[in-house]
N, C-alpha and C. Protein backbone atom coordinates (compact mmCIF):
# COMPACT_ATOMS: atom_id res chain seq x y z
N MET A 1 157.60 -7.63 112.86
CA MET A 1 158.95 -8.16 112.15
C MET A 1 159.73 -9.07 112.80
N CYS A 2 160.43 -10.16 112.22
CA CYS A 2 161.17 -11.10 113.13
C CYS A 2 162.67 -10.97 112.56
N LEU A 3 163.58 -11.31 113.26
CA LEU A 3 164.90 -11.26 112.89
C LEU A 3 165.53 -12.75 112.30
N PHE A 4 164.77 -13.61 112.32
CA PHE A 4 165.15 -14.75 111.64
C PHE A 4 164.66 -14.75 109.94
N THR A 5 165.03 -15.68 109.21
CA THR A 5 164.91 -15.58 108.02
C THR A 5 164.06 -16.77 107.56
N ALA A 6 163.22 -16.84 106.58
CA ALA A 6 162.36 -17.80 106.08
C ALA A 6 162.89 -19.24 106.00
N ARG A 7 164.32 -19.04 105.52
CA ARG A 7 165.35 -20.11 105.49
C ARG A 7 165.46 -20.72 106.61
N GLU A 8 165.83 -20.00 107.73
CA GLU A 8 166.14 -20.46 108.93
C GLU A 8 164.92 -21.07 109.62
N ALA A 9 163.79 -20.51 109.34
CA ALA A 9 162.41 -21.10 109.88
C ALA A 9 161.98 -22.32 109.05
N THR A 10 162.34 -22.31 108.08
CA THR A 10 162.07 -23.65 107.14
C THR A 10 162.83 -24.76 107.69
N GLN A 11 164.07 -24.64 107.90
CA GLN A 11 165.19 -25.57 108.42
C GLN A 11 164.65 -26.08 109.84
N PHE A 12 164.22 -25.04 110.68
CA PHE A 12 163.79 -25.22 112.23
C PHE A 12 162.67 -26.13 112.07
N PHE A 13 161.80 -25.71 111.29
CA PHE A 13 160.34 -26.51 111.39
C PHE A 13 160.57 -27.84 110.82
N ARG A 14 161.46 -28.18 109.87
CA ARG A 14 161.99 -29.36 109.27
C ARG A 14 162.44 -30.09 110.24
N SER A 15 163.14 -29.82 111.24
CA SER A 15 163.95 -30.37 112.33
C SER A 15 162.54 -31.04 113.28
N TYR A 16 161.68 -30.32 113.38
CA TYR A 16 160.34 -30.78 114.00
C TYR A 16 159.35 -31.74 113.07
N GLU A 17 159.91 -32.00 111.83
CA GLU A 17 159.24 -33.02 111.08
C GLU A 17 158.01 -32.27 110.50
N ILE A 18 157.85 -30.92 110.43
CA ILE A 18 156.71 -30.30 109.88
C ILE A 18 157.33 -30.09 108.21
N THR A 19 156.20 -30.49 107.61
CA THR A 19 156.71 -30.55 105.91
C THR A 19 156.27 -29.15 105.47
N CYS A 20 157.51 -28.54 104.86
CA CYS A 20 157.06 -26.84 104.39
C CYS A 20 158.22 -26.72 103.38
N ASP A 21 158.01 -25.68 102.77
CA ASP A 21 159.01 -25.05 101.82
C ASP A 21 159.18 -23.65 102.24
N GLU A 22 160.21 -23.05 101.82
CA GLU A 22 160.60 -21.73 102.04
C GLU A 22 159.36 -20.75 101.81
N ASP A 23 158.89 -20.94 100.60
CA ASP A 23 157.61 -19.91 100.32
C ASP A 23 156.58 -19.93 101.14
N LEU A 24 155.88 -21.09 101.55
CA LEU A 24 155.14 -21.35 102.31
C LEU A 24 155.49 -20.59 103.90
N VAL A 25 156.72 -20.76 104.34
CA VAL A 25 157.23 -20.30 105.69
C VAL A 25 157.11 -18.62 105.48
N ARG A 26 157.57 -18.07 104.25
CA ARG A 26 157.44 -16.70 104.07
C ARG A 26 156.03 -16.22 103.94
N LYS A 27 155.20 -16.92 103.47
CA LYS A 27 153.59 -16.44 103.38
C LYS A 27 153.41 -16.31 104.89
N TRP A 28 153.70 -17.49 105.59
CA TRP A 28 153.25 -17.31 107.20
C TRP A 28 153.84 -16.22 107.98
N LEU A 29 155.23 -15.93 107.57
CA LEU A 29 155.78 -14.66 108.37
C LEU A 29 155.17 -13.32 107.98
N ILE A 30 154.75 -13.59 106.89
CA ILE A 30 153.95 -12.31 106.36
C ILE A 30 152.39 -11.95 107.13
N GLU A 31 151.96 -13.14 107.07
CA GLU A 31 150.59 -13.32 107.66
C GLU A 31 150.44 -13.03 109.20
N ALA A 32 151.66 -13.67 109.70
CA ALA A 32 151.56 -13.99 111.20
C ALA A 32 151.89 -12.37 111.86
N ASN A 33 152.60 -11.53 110.87
CA ASN A 33 152.69 -10.01 111.46
C ASN A 33 153.17 -9.95 113.04
N PHE A 34 154.31 -10.38 113.03
CA PHE A 34 155.03 -10.36 114.31
C PHE A 34 154.89 -9.04 114.95
N VAL A 35 154.55 -8.84 116.00
CA VAL A 35 154.65 -7.61 117.06
C VAL A 35 155.73 -7.25 117.28
N GLU A 36 156.57 -8.24 118.31
CA GLU A 36 157.65 -8.10 118.65
C GLU A 36 158.80 -8.85 117.98
N PRO A 37 160.03 -8.29 117.96
CA PRO A 37 160.92 -9.05 117.10
C PRO A 37 161.84 -10.27 117.87
N HIS A 38 161.74 -11.30 117.39
CA HIS A 38 162.61 -12.37 117.99
C HIS A 38 163.81 -12.54 117.46
N SER A 39 164.91 -12.90 118.39
CA SER A 39 166.13 -12.97 117.83
C SER A 39 166.46 -14.22 117.15
N SER A 40 165.77 -15.42 117.72
CA SER A 40 165.83 -16.70 117.17
C SER A 40 164.66 -17.13 117.07
N ILE A 41 164.55 -18.30 116.34
CA ILE A 41 163.10 -19.03 116.07
C ILE A 41 162.94 -19.95 117.44
N SER A 42 161.89 -20.32 117.88
CA SER A 42 161.58 -21.31 118.96
C SER A 42 160.56 -22.17 118.53
N GLU A 43 160.35 -23.18 119.63
CA GLU A 43 159.45 -24.10 119.68
C GLU A 43 158.01 -23.35 119.41
N GLU A 44 157.79 -22.39 120.10
CA GLU A 44 156.19 -21.67 120.02
C GLU A 44 156.12 -21.43 118.53
N HIS A 45 157.36 -20.86 117.77
CA HIS A 45 157.02 -20.48 116.42
C HIS A 45 156.67 -21.80 115.39
N ALA A 46 157.10 -22.93 116.07
CA ALA A 46 156.74 -24.03 115.41
C ALA A 46 155.59 -24.37 115.56
N TRP A 47 154.88 -24.25 116.70
CA TRP A 47 153.81 -24.50 117.14
C TRP A 47 152.49 -23.70 116.39
N ALA A 48 152.89 -22.35 116.39
CA ALA A 48 152.02 -21.61 115.84
C ALA A 48 152.09 -21.68 114.14
N PHE A 49 153.28 -22.10 113.62
CA PHE A 49 153.07 -22.33 112.30
C PHE A 49 152.30 -23.54 111.75
N ASN A 50 152.57 -24.58 112.62
CA ASN A 50 151.72 -25.83 112.53
C ASN A 50 149.99 -25.57 112.54
N ASP A 51 149.66 -24.81 113.43
CA ASP A 51 148.51 -24.43 113.67
C ASP A 51 148.13 -23.67 112.46
N TRP A 52 148.63 -22.69 111.93
CA TRP A 52 148.57 -21.93 110.80
C TRP A 52 148.47 -22.75 109.53
N LEU A 53 149.32 -23.66 109.45
CA LEU A 53 149.57 -24.61 108.22
C LEU A 53 148.27 -25.46 108.09
N ARG A 54 147.84 -25.98 109.39
CA ARG A 54 146.41 -26.84 109.35
C ARG A 54 145.25 -26.40 108.90
N GLN A 55 145.14 -24.95 109.16
CA GLN A 55 143.98 -24.23 108.77
C GLN A 55 144.01 -23.71 107.22
N GLN A 56 145.17 -24.02 106.74
CA GLN A 56 145.17 -23.46 105.16
C GLN A 56 144.32 -24.60 104.23
N GLY A 57 143.57 -24.06 103.64
CA GLY A 57 142.71 -24.83 102.65
C GLY A 57 141.27 -25.33 103.25
N THR A 58 141.25 -25.03 104.53
CA THR A 58 140.00 -25.32 105.42
C THR A 58 138.96 -24.08 105.33
N SER A 59 137.78 -24.30 106.27
CA SER A 59 137.10 -23.27 106.37
C SER A 59 137.26 -22.37 107.47
N TYR A 60 138.39 -22.85 107.97
CA TYR A 60 139.03 -22.05 109.24
C TYR A 60 140.11 -21.03 109.02
N GLU A 61 140.54 -20.96 107.49
CA GLU A 61 141.67 -20.28 107.06
C GLU A 61 141.30 -18.80 107.34
N LYS A 62 142.05 -17.98 107.86
CA LYS A 62 142.10 -16.77 108.07
C LYS A 62 141.86 -15.82 106.74
N GLY A 63 141.16 -14.86 106.73
CA GLY A 63 141.16 -13.92 105.53
C GLY A 63 140.50 -14.59 104.31
N ILE A 64 139.64 -15.76 104.45
CA ILE A 64 138.89 -15.92 103.34
C ILE A 64 137.49 -15.45 103.56
N ASN A 65 136.75 -15.19 102.40
CA ASN A 65 135.17 -14.80 102.60
C ASN A 65 134.26 -15.69 102.73
N GLU A 66 133.27 -15.26 103.11
CA GLU A 66 131.94 -16.29 103.62
C GLU A 66 131.49 -16.89 102.52
N LYS A 67 131.58 -16.59 101.28
CA LYS A 67 131.46 -17.79 100.07
C LYS A 67 132.34 -18.99 100.26
N ILE A 68 133.47 -18.67 100.18
CA ILE A 68 134.32 -19.66 100.16
C ILE A 68 134.35 -20.64 101.39
N LYS A 69 133.97 -19.84 102.66
CA LYS A 69 134.13 -20.62 103.87
C LYS A 69 133.01 -21.68 103.91
N ILE A 70 131.55 -21.11 103.20
CA ILE A 70 130.79 -22.08 103.25
C ILE A 70 130.72 -23.23 102.34
N GLU A 71 131.56 -22.77 101.12
CA GLU A 71 131.95 -23.69 100.19
C GLU A 71 132.86 -25.08 100.86
N ARG A 72 133.49 -24.53 101.63
CA ARG A 72 134.44 -25.44 102.05
C ARG A 72 133.63 -26.20 103.40
N LEU A 73 132.81 -25.61 103.81
CA LEU A 73 131.95 -26.30 105.06
C LEU A 73 131.14 -27.59 104.53
N ILE A 74 130.52 -27.09 103.24
CA ILE A 74 129.87 -27.97 102.45
C ILE A 74 130.39 -29.02 102.13
N PHE A 75 131.48 -29.03 101.57
CA PHE A 75 132.56 -30.16 101.02
C PHE A 75 132.90 -31.00 102.28
N GLU A 76 133.26 -30.48 103.46
CA GLU A 76 133.63 -31.12 104.60
C GLU A 76 132.28 -31.81 104.99
N VAL A 77 131.19 -31.33 105.14
CA VAL A 77 129.96 -32.07 105.51
C VAL A 77 130.01 -33.33 104.52
N GLN A 78 130.13 -33.07 103.12
CA GLN A 78 129.95 -33.94 102.20
C GLN A 78 130.98 -35.35 102.31
N GLN A 79 132.06 -35.13 102.68
CA GLN A 79 133.26 -36.16 103.04
C GLN A 79 132.80 -36.66 104.21
N LEU A 80 132.42 -36.06 105.24
CA LEU A 80 132.18 -36.57 106.57
C LEU A 80 130.67 -37.76 106.46
N GLU A 81 129.72 -37.33 105.47
CA GLU A 81 128.70 -38.25 105.19
C GLU A 81 128.88 -39.36 104.49
N LYS A 82 130.18 -39.07 103.71
CA LYS A 82 130.73 -40.28 102.91
C LYS A 82 131.17 -41.45 103.94
N GLU A 83 132.05 -40.77 104.78
CA GLU A 83 132.91 -41.51 105.74
C GLU A 83 132.09 -42.31 106.81
N ASN A 84 130.97 -41.60 107.03
CA ASN A 84 129.94 -42.10 107.98
C ASN A 84 129.21 -43.21 107.46
N GLU A 85 128.97 -43.12 106.04
CA GLU A 85 128.29 -44.34 105.44
C GLU A 85 129.00 -45.52 105.10
N LYS A 86 130.54 -45.03 104.97
CA LYS A 86 131.22 -46.35 104.95
C LYS A 86 131.48 -47.13 106.35
N LEU A 87 131.56 -46.39 107.46
CA LEU A 87 131.61 -47.00 108.50
C LEU A 87 130.27 -47.73 108.96
N ARG A 88 129.43 -47.17 108.60
CA ARG A 88 127.96 -47.74 108.78
C ARG A 88 128.12 -49.37 107.91
N ASN A 89 128.30 -49.14 106.98
CA ASN A 89 128.35 -50.36 106.03
C ASN A 89 129.55 -51.29 106.62
N GLU A 90 130.89 -50.85 106.93
CA GLU A 90 131.73 -51.94 107.86
C GLU A 90 131.25 -52.39 108.94
N LYS A 91 130.41 -51.53 109.98
CA LYS A 91 129.90 -52.30 110.93
C LYS A 91 128.77 -53.19 110.95
N LEU A 92 128.05 -53.10 109.69
CA LEU A 92 127.05 -53.89 109.50
C LEU A 92 127.68 -55.22 109.09
N GLU A 93 128.81 -54.97 108.23
CA GLU A 93 129.32 -56.25 107.52
C GLU A 93 130.08 -57.24 108.80
N LEU A 94 130.80 -56.33 109.57
CA LEU A 94 131.36 -57.04 111.03
C LEU A 94 130.20 -58.04 111.85
N GLU A 95 129.18 -57.27 111.93
CA GLU A 95 127.88 -57.72 112.72
C GLU A 95 127.62 -58.98 112.18
N LEU A 96 127.23 -58.98 110.65
CA LEU A 96 126.91 -60.14 110.09
C LEU A 96 127.94 -61.46 110.19
N ARG A 97 129.38 -61.08 110.02
CA ARG A 97 130.39 -61.89 110.10
C ARG A 97 130.07 -62.47 111.64
N LEU A 98 129.96 -61.83 112.88
CA LEU A 98 129.99 -62.37 114.11
C LEU A 98 128.55 -62.98 114.18
N GLY A 99 127.68 -62.81 113.67
CA GLY A 99 126.38 -63.25 113.91
C GLY A 99 125.34 -62.30 114.69
N ILE A 100 125.80 -61.21 114.74
CA ILE A 100 124.87 -60.43 115.63
C ILE A 100 123.87 -59.92 114.69
N SER A 101 122.80 -60.02 115.13
CA SER A 101 121.56 -59.23 114.46
C SER A 101 121.61 -57.64 114.37
N PRO A 102 121.57 -57.22 113.51
CA PRO A 102 121.46 -55.46 113.38
C PRO A 102 120.21 -54.97 114.16
N PHE A 103 119.43 -56.04 114.58
CA PHE A 103 118.27 -55.03 115.31
C PHE A 103 118.36 -55.48 116.95
N ASP A 104 119.59 -56.22 117.30
CA ASP A 104 119.59 -56.44 118.67
C ASP A 104 119.90 -55.20 119.56
């Protein structure tokens, strides 16, 4: 349980340029399940919230089942394969422009 409100936390996080809304912060406060009360919000909370926020929608999100985790990992691998192919093509194009043989 914490002594600061979701509104106060939202304003504090925004001062650190963390994009969030009150509902999202409220969800974090519930999921974070603070053990000891805090009289005011601190930079440590901003770091913890930011870490939590980065995990939302990924395979690292806490509380998701194995099926969802695997689906998200498969999607991530597919995206990385596309990015890898794009970078390979860009590299080849640059090598050709510079006159570098792709077999050197």
